[in-house]
Amino acid sequence: MPAGPGTAVLLAPAYDHGAYRSAESLGLRTVAAVLAGLGVRVEVFDECGTPLPDAVRRAAARARLIGVGALFTRQVPDALALARALRQEAPTAHLTIGGQGLQFLWSEVLRDCPELDSACMYEADETIADLWTRLVEHQPMDQLPGAYVRSAAGVITTGGPRPPVVDLDRLPLPF
């Protein structure tokens, strides 16, 4: 797939430090590796909170795509708070959310957080590549396999789930 100019910023909300000493999201970093393989400049911020740190604010302001990942369901409120803060910094970026914590909540999250443009379902490795290509080539996002997408009119559509990746060896190592 062709890559285009631009930067992607990927973030994960802070984990519960009562249960975990520190964490990085390998899912988010695998998505980062897919984008980097397309020639995209990628910045990853783990354990990000609000208010947004200055480095995140600067990165978001120049991003074409911003992704927020929620590994656990209990992270969803913090992930949505991040999305709202990120929209203030990047009003024209495509803002997506994904992760295991959103399992089966995709359309509800889009309904409840109008700042989001899309929500990736299940494994997002191929979905994020397709989303990036459509974004760069100004192609329609509706019916994007593996995602729920909000149209400019506010209508939420989905292209349904993608089949699982069968050959895991073809996925890049995490970023």
Protein backbone atom coordinates (compact mmCIF):
# COMPACT_ATOMS: atom_id res chain seq x y z
CA MET A 1 0.00 0.00 0.00
CA PRO A 2 1.29 3.44 -0.74
CA ALA A 3 2.29 5.69 2.08
CA GLY A 4 1.95 9.41 2.09
CA PRO A 5 3.42 12.31 3.90
CA GLY A 6 2.49 12.78 7.47
CA THR A 7 2.85 11.76 11.04
CA ALA A 8 0.87 9.34 13.16
CA VAL A 9 0.74 9.69 16.93
CA LEU A 10 -0.30 6.68 19.01
CA LEU A 11 -1.10 6.88 22.71
CA ALA A 12 -2.21 4.67 25.55
CA PRO A 13 -3.77 5.95 28.76
CA ALA A 14 -2.03 5.27 32.04
CA TYR A 15 -2.40 1.81 33.55
CA ASP A 16 -3.51 1.05 37.09
CA HIS A 17 -0.25 1.46 38.97
CA GLY A 18 -1.73 -0.35 41.93
CA ALA A 19 -1.66 -3.52 39.81
CA TYR A 20 1.18 -2.79 37.36
CA ARG A 21 4.54 -1.13 37.92
CA SER A 22 4.80 0.12 34.35
CA ALA A 23 3.50 -0.90 31.00
CA GLU A 24 3.81 -0.42 27.31
CA SER A 25 1.20 -1.51 24.86
CA LEU A 26 2.61 -4.09 22.45
CA GLY A 27 -0.60 -3.90 20.41
CA LEU A 28 -0.15 -0.16 19.99
CA ARG A 29 3.52 -0.69 19.16
CA THR A 30 2.66 -3.34 16.55
CA VAL A 31 0.25 -0.90 14.90
CA ALA A 32 3.08 1.67 15.02
CA ALA A 33 5.38 -0.80 13.25
CA VAL A 34 2.79 -1.35 10.51
CA LEU A 35 2.57 2.40 9.92
CA ALA A 36 6.35 2.82 10.03
CA GLY A 37 6.58 0.08 7.39
CA LEU A 38 4.46 2.30 5.15
CA GLY A 39 6.96 5.14 5.57
CA VAL A 40 4.88 7.02 8.12
CA ARG A 41 6.67 9.00 10.82
CA VAL A 42 5.29 7.51 14.05
CA GLU A 43 5.45 8.78 17.62
CA VAL A 44 4.27 6.58 20.50
CA PHE A 45 3.40 7.79 24.00
CA ASP A 46 2.71 5.17 26.68
CA GLU A 47 0.88 5.92 29.91
CA CYS A 48 -0.37 9.30 28.80
CA GLY A 49 -2.78 11.28 30.93
CA THR A 50 -4.64 14.55 30.87
CA PRO A 51 -3.81 17.33 30.86
CA LEU A 52 -1.65 16.40 27.89
CA PRO A 53 2.11 16.73 28.35
CA ASP A 54 3.72 19.39 26.13
CA ALA A 55 5.48 16.78 23.95
CA VAL A 56 2.13 15.10 23.23
CA ARG A 57 0.47 18.42 22.48
CA ARG A 58 3.20 19.33 19.97
CA ALA A 59 3.11 15.89 18.33
CA ALA A 60 -0.69 15.90 18.08
CA ALA A 61 -0.71 19.35 16.49
CA ARG A 62 1.32 18.06 13.51
CA ALA A 63 -0.31 14.62 13.22
CA ARG A 64 -2.45 13.44 10.34
CA LEU A 65 -3.60 10.37 12.29
CA ILE A 66 -3.94 9.98 16.05
CA GLY A 67 -4.70 6.62 17.62
CA VAL A 68 -5.63 5.90 21.21
CA GLY A 69 -5.38 2.34 22.48
CA ALA A 70 -7.21 0.93 25.51
CA LEU A 71 -6.00 -2.49 26.60
CA PHE A 72 -8.43 -2.79 29.51
CA THR A 73 -12.09 -1.78 29.74
CA ARG A 74 -11.32 0.23 32.86
CA GLN A 75 -9.07 2.42 30.66
CA VAL A 76 -11.91 3.46 28.36
CA PRO A 77 -12.93 6.57 30.37
CA ASP A 78 -9.29 7.77 30.37
CA ALA A 79 -8.95 6.91 26.67
CA LEU A 80 -12.03 9.02 25.89
CA ALA A 81 -10.65 11.89 28.01
CA LEU A 82 -7.45 11.65 25.95
CA ALA A 83 -9.46 11.74 22.73
CA ARG A 84 -11.30 14.86 23.84
CA ALA A 85 -8.05 16.60 24.80
CA LEU A 86 -6.33 15.50 21.59
CA ARG A 87 -9.17 16.87 19.44
CA GLN A 88 -8.50 20.30 20.95
CA GLU A 89 -4.86 20.09 19.85
CA ALA A 90 -5.53 18.51 16.45
CA PRO A 91 -8.90 19.60 15.06
CA THR A 92 -8.21 18.23 11.55
CA ALA A 93 -6.41 14.96 12.36
CA HIS A 94 -8.22 11.65 11.96
CA LEU A 95 -8.75 10.45 15.53
CA THR A 96 -9.24 6.72 16.03
CA ILE A 97 -9.45 4.41 19.01
CA GLY A 98 -8.90 0.69 19.42
CA GLY A 99 -7.72 -2.03 21.72
CA GLN A 100 -9.00 -5.05 23.57
CA GLY A 101 -10.66 -2.85 26.19
CA LEU A 102 -13.20 -1.71 23.60
CA GLN A 103 -14.31 -5.20 22.66
CA PHE A 104 -17.89 -4.90 21.36
CA LEU A 105 -18.18 -1.26 22.52
CA TRP A 106 -17.05 0.30 19.23
CA SER A 107 -20.27 1.99 18.11
CA GLU A 108 -21.13 3.06 21.68
CA VAL A 109 -17.73 4.72 22.08
CA LEU A 110 -18.23 6.64 18.84
CA ARG A 111 -21.74 7.61 19.91
CA ASP A 112 -20.53 8.84 23.30
CA CYS A 113 -17.39 10.61 22.08
CA PRO A 114 -18.07 12.79 19.02
CA GLU A 115 -14.41 13.82 18.97
CA LEU A 116 -13.56 10.37 17.57
CA ASP A 117 -13.64 9.69 13.83
CA SER A 118 -13.33 5.91 13.97
CA ALA A 119 -12.90 2.84 16.14
CA CYS A 120 -10.79 -0.15 15.07
CA MET A 121 -12.15 -3.62 15.78
CA TYR A 122 -10.19 -6.67 16.95
CA GLU A 123 -6.65 -6.76 15.52
CA ALA A 124 -5.95 -3.46 13.79
CA ASP A 125 -2.76 -4.31 11.89
CA GLU A 126 -4.37 -4.40 8.44
CA THR A 127 -7.13 -1.95 9.34
CA ILE A 128 -4.69 0.81 10.29
CA ALA A 129 -2.77 0.36 7.03
CA ASP A 130 -6.00 0.61 5.05
CA LEU A 131 -7.18 3.58 7.13
CA TRP A 132 -3.87 5.41 6.55
CA THR A 133 -3.98 4.78 2.79
CA ARG A 134 -7.57 6.02 2.54
CA LEU A 135 -6.67 9.07 4.61
CA VAL A 136 -3.64 9.97 2.48
CA GLU A 137 -5.39 9.28 -0.82
CA HIS A 138 -8.56 11.12 0.27
CA GLN A 139 -10.66 8.00 -0.27
CA PRO A 140 -13.98 7.46 1.53
CA MET A 141 -13.71 5.86 4.96
CA ASP A 142 -17.21 4.37 5.03
CA GLN A 143 -17.37 0.58 4.86
CA LEU A 144 -13.73 0.32 6.02
CA PRO A 145 -13.27 -3.36 6.94
CA GLY A 146 -12.28 -3.76 10.58
CA ALA A 147 -13.60 -0.41 11.75
CA TYR A 148 -16.59 1.66 12.68
CA VAL A 149 -16.33 5.10 11.06
CA ARG A 150 -18.21 8.36 11.59
CA SER A 151 -19.11 10.22 8.40
CA ALA A 152 -18.97 14.00 8.08
CA ALA A 153 -22.75 13.93 8.58
CA GLY A 154 -22.28 12.03 11.85
CA VAL A 155 -23.54 8.67 10.56
CA ILE A 156 -21.65 5.66 11.96
CA THR A 157 -20.98 2.85 9.47
CA THR A 158 -18.88 -0.31 9.50
CA GLY A 159 -17.32 -2.52 6.90
CA GLY A 160 -17.64 -5.42 9.33
CA PRO A 161 -14.81 -7.35 10.94
CA ARG A 162 -11.72 -8.36 9.00
CA PRO A 163 -10.73 -12.00 8.99
CA PRO A 164 -7.98 -12.73 11.51
CA VAL A 165 -4.39 -12.59 10.33
CA VAL A 166 -3.43 -16.19 9.58
CA ASP A 167 0.30 -15.78 8.97
CA LEU A 168 1.54 -14.02 12.09
CA ASP A 169 5.12 -14.16 10.79
CA ARG A 170 4.29 -11.50 8.21
CA LEU A 171 3.46 -8.97 10.93
CA PRO A 172 6.27 -6.60 11.86
CA LEU A 173 7.95 -6.72 15.23
CA PRO A 174 6.64 -4.07 17.64
CA PHE A 175 7.99 -0.53 17.18
